[in-house]
Amino acid sequence: MKKTNPIVADDMRPEYDFASMKGGVRGKYARRARAGTNIVLIEPEVAEAFPSEQAVNEALKGVLNTTRAVRSTGGLPNRALQPTNRAPRKAKSRKSSRSARG
């Protein structure tokens, strides 16, 4: 009859006792791993607007180029692109000075 190996729920052998090992540091390389990745999560509404990863990158590069251009010139080059001022306010109505004189 063939021997069957029992299914072990834990893959680690019982002789491995990590608590007694010296030099083990939890998360020793975590900072290095985080520095090597640049993952950004975007909201679902924003993700629907872009069909691919390349489209997102192109849009962000466009925003970045516009920001650099505005910063290098000190402002927007075209007056037409700047917001218009509010409508002029009406002068406050003054009371007639005749009634005060009596």
PDB file of N, CA and C in Angstrom:
ATOM      1  N   MET A   1       0.831  -1.167   0.000  1.00  0.00           N
ATOM      2  CA  MET A   1       0.000   0.000   0.000  1.00  0.00           C
ATOM      3  C   MET A   1       0.886   1.243   0.000  1.00  0.00           C
ATOM      4  N   LYS A   2       0.473   2.267  -0.739  1.00  0.00           N
ATOM      5  CA  LYS A   2       1.231   3.499  -0.861  1.00  0.00           C
ATOM      6  C   LYS A   2       0.974   4.414   0.324  1.00  0.00           C
ATOM      7  N   LYS A   3       2.047   5.055   0.796  1.00  0.00           N
ATOM      8  CA  LYS A   3       1.872   6.020   1.879  1.00  0.00           C
ATOM      9  C   LYS A   3       1.443   7.366   1.289  1.00  0.00           C
ATOM     10  N   THR A   4       0.533   7.991   1.945  1.00  0.00           N
ATOM     11  CA  THR A   4       0.102   9.317   1.501  1.00  0.00           C
ATOM     12  C   THR A   4       0.623  10.348   2.488  1.00  0.00           C
ATOM     13  N   ASN A   5       1.032  11.462   1.951  1.00  0.00           N
ATOM     14  CA  ASN A   5       1.489  12.556   2.814  1.00  0.00           C
ATOM     15  C   ASN A   5       0.278  13.338   3.308  1.00  0.00           C
ATOM     16  N   PRO A   6       0.223  13.561   4.590  1.00  0.00           N
ATOM     17  CA  PRO A   6      -0.898  14.356   5.103  1.00  0.00           C
ATOM     18  C   PRO A   6      -0.758  15.808   4.632  1.00  0.00           C
ATOM     19  N   ILE A   7      -1.872  16.436   4.362  1.00  0.00           N
ATOM     20  CA  ILE A   7      -1.863  17.835   3.935  1.00  0.00           C
ATOM     21  C   ILE A   7      -1.596  18.697   5.154  1.00  0.00           C
ATOM     22  N   VAL A   8      -0.525  19.480   5.049  1.00  0.00           N
ATOM     23  CA  VAL A   8      -0.136  20.331   6.162  1.00  0.00           C
ATOM     24  C   VAL A   8      -0.673  21.734   5.895  1.00  0.00           C
ATOM     25  N   ALA A   9      -1.376  22.290   6.863  1.00  0.00           N
ATOM     26  CA  ALA A   9      -1.947  23.623   6.704  1.00  0.00           C
ATOM     27  C   ALA A   9      -0.854  24.680   6.710  1.00  0.00           C
ATOM     28  N   ASP A  10       0.199  24.466   7.500  1.00  0.00           N
ATOM     29  CA  ASP A  10       1.287  25.421   7.595  1.00  0.00           C
ATOM     30  C   ASP A  10       2.481  24.870   6.833  1.00  0.00           C
ATOM     31  N   ASP A  11       3.030  25.651   5.918  1.00  0.00           N
ATOM     32  CA  ASP A  11       4.148  25.197   5.106  1.00  0.00           C
ATOM     33  C   ASP A  11       5.460  25.175   5.878  1.00  0.00           C
ATOM     34  N   MET A  12       5.546  25.869   6.978  1.00  0.00           N
ATOM     35  CA  MET A  12       6.790  25.951   7.743  1.00  0.00           C
ATOM     36  C   MET A  12       6.948  24.711   8.629  1.00  0.00           C
ATOM     37  N   ARG A  13       8.132  24.242   8.655  1.00  0.00           N
ATOM     38  CA  ARG A  13       8.414  23.097   9.508  1.00  0.00           C
ATOM     39  C   ARG A  13       8.488  23.550  10.962  1.00  0.00           C
ATOM     40  N   PRO A  14       8.185  22.660  11.887  1.00  0.00           N
ATOM     41  CA  PRO A  14       8.183  23.057  13.303  1.00  0.00           C
ATOM     42  C   PRO A  14       9.571  23.393  13.838  1.00  0.00           C
ATOM     43  N   GLU A  15      10.639  22.940  13.191  1.00  0.00           N
ATOM     44  CA  GLU A  15      11.979  23.223  13.707  1.00  0.00           C
ATOM     45  C   GLU A  15      12.442  24.652  13.421  1.00  0.00           C
ATOM     46  N   TYR A  16      11.705  25.367  12.586  1.00  0.00           N
ATOM     47  CA  TYR A  16      12.068  26.764  12.344  1.00  0.00           C
ATOM     48  C   TYR A  16      11.423  27.642  13.406  1.00  0.00           C
ATOM     49  N   ASP A  17      12.242  28.167  14.284  1.00  0.00           N
ATOM     50  CA  ASP A  17      11.750  29.042  15.342  1.00  0.00           C
ATOM     51  C   ASP A  17      12.372  30.414  15.130  1.00  0.00           C
ATOM     52  N   PHE A  18      11.633  31.292  14.481  1.00  0.00           N
ATOM     53  CA  PHE A  18      12.176  32.597  14.141  1.00  0.00           C
ATOM     54  C   PHE A  18      12.339  33.506  15.358  1.00  0.00           C
ATOM     55  N   ALA A  19      11.626  33.233  16.415  1.00  0.00           N
ATOM     56  CA  ALA A  19      11.737  34.059  17.614  1.00  0.00           C
ATOM     57  C   ALA A  19      13.110  33.907  18.258  1.00  0.00           C
ATOM     58  N   SER A  20      13.716  32.727  18.118  1.00  0.00           N
ATOM     59  CA  SER A  20      15.013  32.509  18.747  1.00  0.00           C
ATOM     60  C   SER A  20      16.184  32.872  17.835  1.00  0.00           C
ATOM     61  N   MET A  21      15.918  33.189  16.564  1.00  0.00           N
ATOM     62  CA  MET A  21      16.997  33.541  15.642  1.00  0.00           C
ATOM     63  C   MET A  21      17.486  34.956  15.910  1.00  0.00           C
ATOM     64  N   LYS A  22      18.788  35.153  15.754  1.00  0.00           N
ATOM     65  CA  LYS A  22      19.369  36.462  15.974  1.00  0.00           C
ATOM     66  C   LYS A  22      19.487  37.199  14.649  1.00  0.00           C
ATOM     67  N   GLY A  23      19.391  38.524  14.708  1.00  0.00           N
ATOM     68  CA  GLY A  23      19.607  39.349  13.526  1.00  0.00           C
ATOM     69  C   GLY A  23      18.397  39.540  12.651  1.00  0.00           C
ATOM     70  N   GLY A  24      17.328  38.902  12.951  1.00  0.00           N
ATOM     71  CA  GLY A  24      16.126  39.068  12.135  1.00  0.00           C
ATOM     72  C   GLY A  24      15.427  40.374  12.488  1.00  0.00           C
ATOM     73  N   VAL A  25      15.211  41.199  11.504  1.00  0.00           N
ATOM     74  CA  VAL A  25      14.543  42.476  11.717  1.00  0.00           C
ATOM     75  C   VAL A  25      13.321  42.526  10.816  1.00  0.00           C
ATOM     76  N   ARG A  26      12.191  42.783  11.423  1.00  0.00           N
ATOM     77  CA  ARG A  26      10.965  42.839  10.646  1.00  0.00           C
ATOM     78  C   ARG A  26      10.945  44.125   9.820  1.00  0.00           C
ATOM     79  N   GLY A  27      10.657  43.997   8.552  1.00  0.00           N
ATOM     80  CA  GLY A  27      10.566  45.151   7.663  1.00  0.00           C
ATOM     81  C   GLY A  27      11.909  45.783   7.354  1.00  0.00           C
ATOM     82  N   LYS A  28      12.951  44.989   7.351  1.00  0.00           N
ATOM     83  CA  LYS A  28      14.300  45.505   7.145  1.00  0.00           C
ATOM     84  C   LYS A  28      14.439  46.202   5.797  1.00  0.00           C
ATOM     85  N   TYR A  29      13.803  45.695   4.774  1.00  0.00           N
ATOM     86  CA  TYR A  29      13.919  46.248   3.427  1.00  0.00           C
ATOM     87  C   TYR A  29      12.641  46.964   2.983  1.00  0.00           C
ATOM     88  N   ALA A  30      11.743  47.237   3.891  1.00  0.00           N
ATOM     89  CA  ALA A  30      10.466  47.849   3.524  1.00  0.00           C
ATOM     90  C   ALA A  30      10.655  49.250   2.948  1.00  0.00           C
ATOM     91  N   ARG A  31      11.516  50.050   3.549  1.00  0.00           N
ATOM     92  CA  ARG A  31      11.743  51.410   3.067  1.00  0.00           C
ATOM     93  C   ARG A  31      12.320  51.395   1.652  1.00  0.00           C
ATOM     94  N   ARG A  32      13.254  50.504   1.416  1.00  0.00           N
ATOM     95  CA  ARG A  32      13.879  50.397   0.093  1.00  0.00           C
ATOM     96  C   ARG A  32      12.848  49.958  -0.948  1.00  0.00           C
ATOM     97  N   ALA A  33      11.973  49.054  -0.581  1.00  0.00           N
ATOM     98  CA  ALA A  33      10.950  48.577  -1.511  1.00  0.00           C
ATOM     99  C   ALA A  33       9.960  49.686  -1.844  1.00  0.00           C
ATOM    100  N   ARG A  34       9.565  50.483  -0.844  1.00  0.00           N
ATOM    101  CA  ARG A  34       8.642  51.588  -1.087  1.00  0.00           C
ATOM    102  C   ARG A  34       9.270  52.661  -1.957  1.00  0.00           C
ATOM    103  N   ALA A  35      10.561  52.909  -1.788  1.00  0.00           N
ATOM    104  CA  ALA A  35      11.237  53.941  -2.578  1.00  0.00           C
ATOM    105  C   ALA A  35      11.338  53.533  -4.043  1.00  0.00           C
ATOM    106  N   GLY A  36      11.364  52.259  -4.319  1.00  0.00           N
ATOM    107  CA  GLY A  36      11.508  51.783  -5.686  1.00  0.00           C
ATOM    108  C   GLY A  36      10.212  51.724  -6.458  1.00  0.00           C
ATOM    109  N   THR A  37       9.079  51.958  -5.813  1.00  0.00           N
ATOM    110  CA  THR A  37       7.793  51.892  -6.497  1.00  0.00           C
ATOM    111  C   THR A  37       7.111  53.244  -6.447  1.00  0.00           C
ATOM    112  N   ASN A  38       6.302  53.509  -7.452  1.00  0.00           N
ATOM    113  CA  ASN A  38       5.557  54.764  -7.503  1.00  0.00           C
ATOM    114  C   ASN A  38       4.160  54.445  -8.010  1.00  0.00           C
ATOM    115  N   ILE A  39       3.325  53.954  -7.123  1.00  0.00           N
ATOM    116  CA  ILE A  39       1.970  53.575  -7.483  1.00  0.00           C
ATOM    117  C   ILE A  39       1.026  54.632  -6.938  1.00  0.00           C
ATOM    118  N   VAL A  40       0.137  55.108  -7.804  1.00  0.00           N
ATOM    119  CA  VAL A  40      -0.830  56.120  -7.415  1.00  0.00           C
ATOM    120  C   VAL A  40      -2.215  55.576  -7.703  1.00  0.00           C
ATOM    121  N   LEU A  41      -3.103  55.669  -6.745  1.00  0.00           N
ATOM    122  CA  LEU A  41      -4.478  55.226  -6.938  1.00  0.00           C
ATOM    123  C   LEU A  41      -5.333  56.435  -7.285  1.00  0.00           C
ATOM    124  N   ILE A  42      -6.115  56.314  -8.347  1.00  0.00           N
ATOM    125  CA  ILE A  42      -6.992  57.403  -8.738  1.00  0.00           C
ATOM    126  C   ILE A  42      -8.436  56.989  -8.519  1.00  0.00           C
ATOM    127  N   GLU A  43      -9.291  57.982  -8.409  1.00  0.00           N
ATOM    128  CA  GLU A  43     -10.702  57.713  -8.159  1.00  0.00           C
ATOM    129  C   GLU A  43     -11.350  57.099  -9.395  1.00  0.00           C
ATOM    130  N   PRO A  44     -12.400  56.318  -9.209  1.00  0.00           N
ATOM    131  CA  PRO A  44     -13.049  55.648 -10.340  1.00  0.00           C
ATOM    132  C   PRO A  44     -13.561  56.613 -11.411  1.00  0.00           C
ATOM    133  N   GLU A  45     -14.059  57.808 -11.000  1.00  0.00           N
ATOM    134  CA  GLU A  45     -14.563  58.767 -11.982  1.00  0.00           C
ATOM    135  C   GLU A  45     -13.441  59.248 -12.894  1.00  0.00           C
ATOM    136  N   VAL A  46     -12.262  59.439 -12.328  1.00  0.00           N
ATOM    137  CA  VAL A  46     -11.114  59.892 -13.116  1.00  0.00           C
ATOM    138  C   VAL A  46     -10.647  58.757 -14.027  1.00  0.00           C
ATOM    139  N   ALA A  47     -10.653  57.544 -13.530  1.00  0.00           N
ATOM    140  CA  ALA A  47     -10.204  56.397 -14.326  1.00  0.00           C
ATOM    141  C   ALA A  47     -11.096  56.179 -15.548  1.00  0.00           C
ATOM    142  N   GLU A  48     -12.375  56.489 -15.424  1.00  0.00           N
ATOM    143  CA  GLU A  48     -13.292  56.324 -16.556  1.00  0.00           C
ATOM    144  C   GLU A  48     -12.969  57.298 -17.689  1.00  0.00           C
ATOM    145  N   ALA A  49     -12.372  58.440 -17.371  1.00  0.00           N
ATOM    146  CA  ALA A  49     -12.085  59.458 -18.384  1.00  0.00           C
ATOM    147  C   ALA A  49     -10.892  59.085 -19.259  1.00  0.00           C
ATOM    148  N   PHE A  50     -10.052  58.163 -18.796  1.00  0.00           N
ATOM    149  CA  PHE A  50      -8.847  57.802 -19.528  1.00  0.00           C
ATOM    150  C   PHE A  50      -8.903  56.338 -19.933  1.00  0.00           C
ATOM    151  N   PRO A  51      -8.765  56.058 -21.232  1.00  0.00           N
ATOM    152  CA  PRO A  51      -8.876  54.678 -21.693  1.00  0.00           C
ATOM    153  C   PRO A  51      -7.655  53.814 -21.385  1.00  0.00           C
ATOM    154  N   SER A  52      -6.482  54.446 -21.186  1.00  0.00           N
ATOM    155  CA  SER A  52      -5.281  53.644 -20.962  1.00  0.00           C
ATOM    156  C   SER A  52      -4.308  54.386 -20.061  1.00  0.00           C
ATOM    157  N   GLU A  53      -3.284  53.670 -19.642  1.00  0.00           N
ATOM    158  CA  GLU A  53      -2.219  54.244 -18.819  1.00  0.00           C
ATOM    159  C   GLU A  53      -1.479  55.338 -19.582  1.00  0.00           C
ATOM    160  N   GLN A  54      -1.299  55.117 -20.872  1.00  0.00           N
ATOM    161  CA  GLN A  54      -0.594  56.093 -21.709  1.00  0.00           C
ATOM    162  C   GLN A  54      -1.374  57.410 -21.784  1.00  0.00           C
ATOM    163  N   ALA A  55      -2.705  57.342 -21.843  1.00  0.00           N
ATOM    164  CA  ALA A  55      -3.524  58.553 -21.893  1.00  0.00           C
ATOM    165  C   ALA A  55      -3.385  59.364 -20.608  1.00  0.00           C
ATOM    166  N   VAL A  56      -3.324  58.683 -19.481  1.00  0.00           N
ATOM    167  CA  VAL A  56      -3.141  59.366 -18.197  1.00  0.00           C
ATOM    168  C   VAL A  56      -1.790  60.058 -18.176  1.00  0.00           C
ATOM    169  N   ASN A  57      -0.745  59.376 -18.604  1.00  0.00           N
ATOM    170  CA  ASN A  57       0.591  59.961 -18.609  1.00  0.00           C
ATOM    171  C   ASN A  57       0.671  61.175 -19.525  1.00  0.00           C
ATOM    172  N   GLU A  58       0.060  61.109 -20.701  1.00  0.00           N
ATOM    173  CA  GLU A  58       0.074  62.243 -21.632  1.00  0.00           C
ATOM    174  C   GLU A  58      -0.644  63.448 -21.040  1.00  0.00           C
ATOM    175  N   ALA A  59      -1.777  63.217 -20.386  1.00  0.00           N
ATOM    176  CA  ALA A  59      -2.524  64.319 -19.783  1.00  0.00           C
ATOM    177  C   ALA A  59      -1.721  64.966 -18.658  1.00  0.00           C
ATOM    178  N   LEU A  60      -1.085  64.153 -17.840  1.00  0.00           N
ATOM    179  CA  LEU A  60      -0.290  64.702 -16.739  1.00  0.00           C
ATOM    180  C   LEU A  60       0.938  65.444 -17.252  1.00  0.00           C
ATOM    181  N   LYS A  61       1.547  64.963 -18.320  1.00  0.00           N
ATOM    182  CA  LYS A  61       2.682  65.670 -18.911  1.00  0.00           C
ATOM    183  C   LYS A  61       2.242  67.024 -19.462  1.00  0.00           C
ATOM    184  N   GLY A  62       1.063  67.086 -20.040  1.00  0.00           N
ATOM    185  CA  GLY A  62       0.532  68.351 -20.537  1.00  0.00           C
ATOM    186  C   GLY A  62       0.310  69.350 -19.420  1.00  0.00           C
ATOM    187  N   VAL A  63      -0.251  68.891 -18.311  1.00  0.00           N
ATOM    188  CA  VAL A  63      -0.445  69.764 -17.150  1.00  0.00           C
ATOM    189  C   VAL A  63       0.897  70.235 -16.604  1.00  0.00           C
ATOM    190  N   LEU A  64       1.853  69.343 -16.546  1.00  0.00           N
ATOM    191  CA  LEU A  64       3.180  69.689 -16.052  1.00  0.00           C
ATOM    192  C   LEU A  64       3.863  70.715 -16.952  1.00  0.00           C
ATOM    193  N   ASN A  65       3.768  70.553 -18.265  1.00  0.00           N
ATOM    194  CA  ASN A  65       4.359  71.510 -19.195  1.00  0.00           C
ATOM    195  C   ASN A  65       3.701  72.885 -19.078  1.00  0.00           C
ATOM    196  N   THR A  66       2.392  72.908 -18.905  1.00  0.00           N
ATOM    197  CA  THR A  66       1.688  74.179 -18.737  1.00  0.00           C
ATOM    198  C   THR A  66       2.123  74.863 -17.449  1.00  0.00           C
ATOM    199  N   THR A  67       2.240  74.104 -16.385  1.00  0.00           N
ATOM    200  CA  THR A  67       2.673  74.663 -15.107  1.00  0.00           C
ATOM    201  C   THR A  67       4.076  75.236 -15.210  1.00  0.00           C
ATOM    202  N   ARG A  68       4.965  74.526 -15.878  1.00  0.00           N
ATOM    203  CA  ARG A  68       6.336  75.026 -16.046  1.00  0.00           C
ATOM    204  C   ARG A  68       6.353  76.311 -16.863  1.00  0.00           C
ATOM    205  N   ALA A  69       5.538  76.373 -17.912  1.00  0.00           N
ATOM    206  CA  ALA A  69       5.498  77.573 -18.751  1.00  0.00           C
ATOM    207  C   ALA A  69       4.979  78.771 -17.970  1.00  0.00           C
ATOM    208  N   VAL A  70       3.962  78.563 -17.170  1.00  0.00           N
ATOM    209  CA  VAL A  70       3.401  79.666 -16.378  1.00  0.00           C
ATOM    210  C   VAL A  70       4.415  80.139 -15.351  1.00  0.00           C
ATOM    211  N   ARG A  71       5.097  79.227 -14.705  1.00  0.00           N
ATOM    212  CA  ARG A  71       6.081  79.609 -13.687  1.00  0.00           C
ATOM    213  C   ARG A  71       7.280  80.319 -14.299  1.00  0.00           C
ATOM    214  N   SER A  72       7.704  79.903 -15.485  1.00  0.00           N
ATOM    215  CA  SER A  72       8.897  80.511 -16.087  1.00  0.00           C
ATOM    216  C   SER A  72       8.617  81.919 -16.600  1.00  0.00           C
ATOM    217  N   THR A  73       7.393  82.192 -17.047  1.00  0.00           N
ATOM    218  CA  THR A  73       7.070  83.524 -17.558  1.00  0.00           C
ATOM    219  C   THR A  73       6.539  84.438 -16.476  1.00  0.00           C
ATOM    220  N   GLY A  74       6.221  83.890 -15.337  1.00  0.00           N
ATOM    221  CA  GLY A  74       5.701  84.711 -14.246  1.00  0.00           C
ATOM    222  C   GLY A  74       4.207  84.931 -14.321  1.00  0.00           C
ATOM    223  N   GLY A  75       3.533  84.320 -15.227  1.00  0.00           N
ATOM    224  CA  GLY A  75       2.094  84.459 -15.343  1.00  0.00           C
ATOM    225  C   GLY A  75       1.623  83.990 -16.698  1.00  0.00           C
ATOM    226  N   LEU A  76       0.365  84.133 -16.946  1.00  0.00           N
ATOM    227  CA  LEU A  76      -0.179  83.727 -18.233  1.00  0.00           C
ATOM    228  C   LEU A  76       0.206  84.751 -19.292  1.00  0.00           C
ATOM    229  N   PRO A  77       0.654  84.316 -20.475  1.00  0.00           N
ATOM    230  CA  PRO A  77       1.109  85.252 -21.489  1.00  0.00           C
ATOM    231  C   PRO A  77      -0.015  86.017 -22.178  1.00  0.00           C
ATOM    232  N   ASN A  78      -1.202  85.497 -22.232  1.00  0.00           N
ATOM    233  CA  ASN A  78      -2.301  86.100 -22.966  1.00  0.00           C
ATOM    234  C   ASN A  78      -3.330  86.655 -21.992  1.00  0.00           C
ATOM    235  N   ARG A  79      -3.677  87.936 -22.142  1.00  0.00           N
ATOM    236  CA  ARG A  79      -4.659  88.545 -21.250  1.00  0.00           C
ATOM    237  C   ARG A  79      -6.029  87.891 -21.401  1.00  0.00           C
ATOM    238  N   ALA A  80      -6.322  87.365 -22.590  1.00  0.00           N
ATOM    239  CA  ALA A  80      -7.627  86.768 -22.827  1.00  0.00           C
ATOM    240  C   ALA A  80      -7.838  85.520 -21.977  1.00  0.00           C
ATOM    241  N   LEU A  81      -6.769  84.889 -21.563  1.00  0.00           N
ATOM    242  CA  LEU A  81      -6.901  83.678 -20.758  1.00  0.00           C
ATOM    243  C   LEU A  81      -7.113  83.984 -19.281  1.00  0.00           C
ATOM    244  N   GLN A  82      -6.868  85.210 -18.877  1.00  0.00           N
ATOM    245  CA  GLN A  82      -7.014  85.568 -17.467  1.00  0.00           C
ATOM    246  C   GLN A  82      -8.476  85.836 -17.159  1.00  0.00           C
ATOM    247  N   PRO A  83      -8.893  85.550 -15.939  1.00  0.00           N
ATOM    248  CA  PRO A  83     -10.296  85.759 -15.594  1.00  0.00           C
ATOM    249  C   PRO A  83     -10.638  87.251 -15.630  1.00  0.00           C
ATOM    250  N   THR A  84     -11.864  87.543 -16.020  1.00  0.00           N
ATOM    251  CA  THR A  84     -12.305  88.935 -16.072  1.00  0.00           C
ATOM    252  C   THR A  84     -12.636  89.420 -14.677  1.00  0.00           C
ATOM    253  N   ASN A  85     -12.549  90.729 -14.486  1.00  0.00           N
ATOM    254  CA  ASN A  85     -12.895  91.319 -13.189  1.00  0.00           C
ATOM    255  C   ASN A  85     -14.397  91.293 -13.018  1.00  0.00           C
ATOM    256  N   ARG A  86     -14.811  91.458 -11.794  1.00  0.00           N
ATOM    257  CA  ARG A  86     -16.241  91.515 -11.531  1.00  0.00           C
ATOM    258  C   ARG A  86     -16.823  92.793 -12.117  1.00  0.00           C
ATOM    259  N   ALA A  87     -18.124  92.788 -12.261  1.00  0.00           N
ATOM    260  CA  ALA A  87     -18.802  93.983 -12.754  1.00  0.00           C
ATOM    261  C   ALA A  87     -18.596  95.106 -11.739  1.00  0.00           C
ATOM    262  N   PRO A  88     -18.434  96.342 -12.202  1.00  0.00           N
ATOM    263  CA  PRO A  88     -18.218  97.439 -11.259  1.00  0.00           C
ATOM    264  C   PRO A  88     -19.410  97.601 -10.333  1.00  0.00           C
ATOM    265  N   ARG A  89     -19.131  97.929  -9.103  1.00  0.00           N
ATOM    266  CA  ARG A  89     -20.195  98.103  -8.117  1.00  0.00           C
ATOM    267  C   ARG A  89     -20.846  99.468  -8.285  1.00  0.00           C
ATOM    268  N   LYS A  90     -22.113  99.498  -7.972  1.00  0.00           N
ATOM    269  CA  LYS A  90     -22.838 100.769  -8.024  1.00  0.00           C
ATOM    270  C   LYS A  90     -22.464 101.596  -6.809  1.00  0.00           C
ATOM    271  N   ALA A  91     -22.446 102.885  -6.992  1.00  0.00           N
ATOM    272  CA  ALA A  91     -22.134 103.785  -5.878  1.00  0.00           C
ATOM    273  C   ALA A  91     -23.264 103.721  -4.870  1.00  0.00           C
ATOM    274  N   LYS A  92     -22.921 103.856  -3.601  1.00  0.00           N
ATOM    275  CA  LYS A  92     -23.935 103.825  -2.556  1.00  0.00           C
ATOM    276  C   LYS A  92     -24.803 105.075  -2.673  1.00  0.00           C
ATOM    277  N   SER A  93     -26.081 104.880  -2.473  1.00  0.00           N
ATOM    278  CA  SER A  93     -26.975 106.037  -2.550  1.00  0.00           C
ATOM    279  C   SER A  93     -26.810 106.876  -1.286  1.00  0.00           C
ATOM    280  N   ARG A  94     -26.697 108.157  -1.495  1.00  0.00           N
ATOM    281  CA  ARG A  94     -26.543 109.070  -0.357  1.00  0.00           C
ATOM    282  C   ARG A  94     -27.871 109.729  -0.065  1.00  0.00           C
ATOM    283  N   LYS A  95     -28.096 109.929   1.186  1.00  0.00           N
ATOM    284  CA  LYS A  95     -29.342 110.609   1.563  1.00  0.00           C
ATOM    285  C   LYS A  95     -29.198 112.089   1.248  1.00  0.00           C
ATOM    286  N   SER A  96     -30.272 112.673   0.987  1.00  0.00           N
ATOM    287  CA  SER A  96     -30.283 114.096   0.675  1.00  0.00           C
ATOM    288  C   SER A  96     -29.841 114.888   1.884  1.00  0.00           C
ATOM    289  N   SER A  97     -28.951 115.837   1.688  1.00  0.00           N
ATOM    290  CA  SER A  97     -28.441 116.625   2.802  1.00  0.00           C
ATOM    291  C   SER A  97     -29.427 117.721   3.215  1.00  0.00           C
ATOM    292  N   ARG A  98     -30.488 117.933   2.423  1.00  0.00           N
ATOM    293  CA  ARG A  98     -31.482 118.956   2.746  1.00  0.00           C
ATOM    294  C   ARG A  98     -32.263 118.599   3.994  1.00  0.00           C
ATOM    295  N   SER A  99     -32.567 117.319   4.147  1.00  0.00           N
ATOM    296  CA  SER A  99     -33.391 116.919   5.301  1.00  0.00           C
ATOM    297  C   SER A  99     -32.587 117.080   6.597  1.00  0.00           C
ATOM    298  N   ALA A 100     -31.297 116.971   6.547  1.00  0.00           N
ATOM    299  CA  ALA A 100     -30.498 117.108   7.738  1.00  0.00           C
ATOM    300  C   ALA A 100     -30.356 118.583   8.143  1.00  0.00           C
ATOM    301  N   ARG A 101     -30.479 119.493   7.212  1.00  0.00           N
ATOM    302  CA  ARG A 101     -30.299 120.918   7.499  1.00  0.00           C
ATOM    303  C   ARG A 101     -31.552 121.554   8.076  1.00  0.00           C
ATOM    304  N   GLY A 102     -32.688 120.960   7.901  1.00  0.00           N
ATOM    305  CA  GLY A 102     -33.861 121.436   8.567  1.00  0.00           C
ATOM    306  C   GLY A 102     -34.639 122.400   7.891  1.00  0.00           C
TER     307      GLY A 102
END
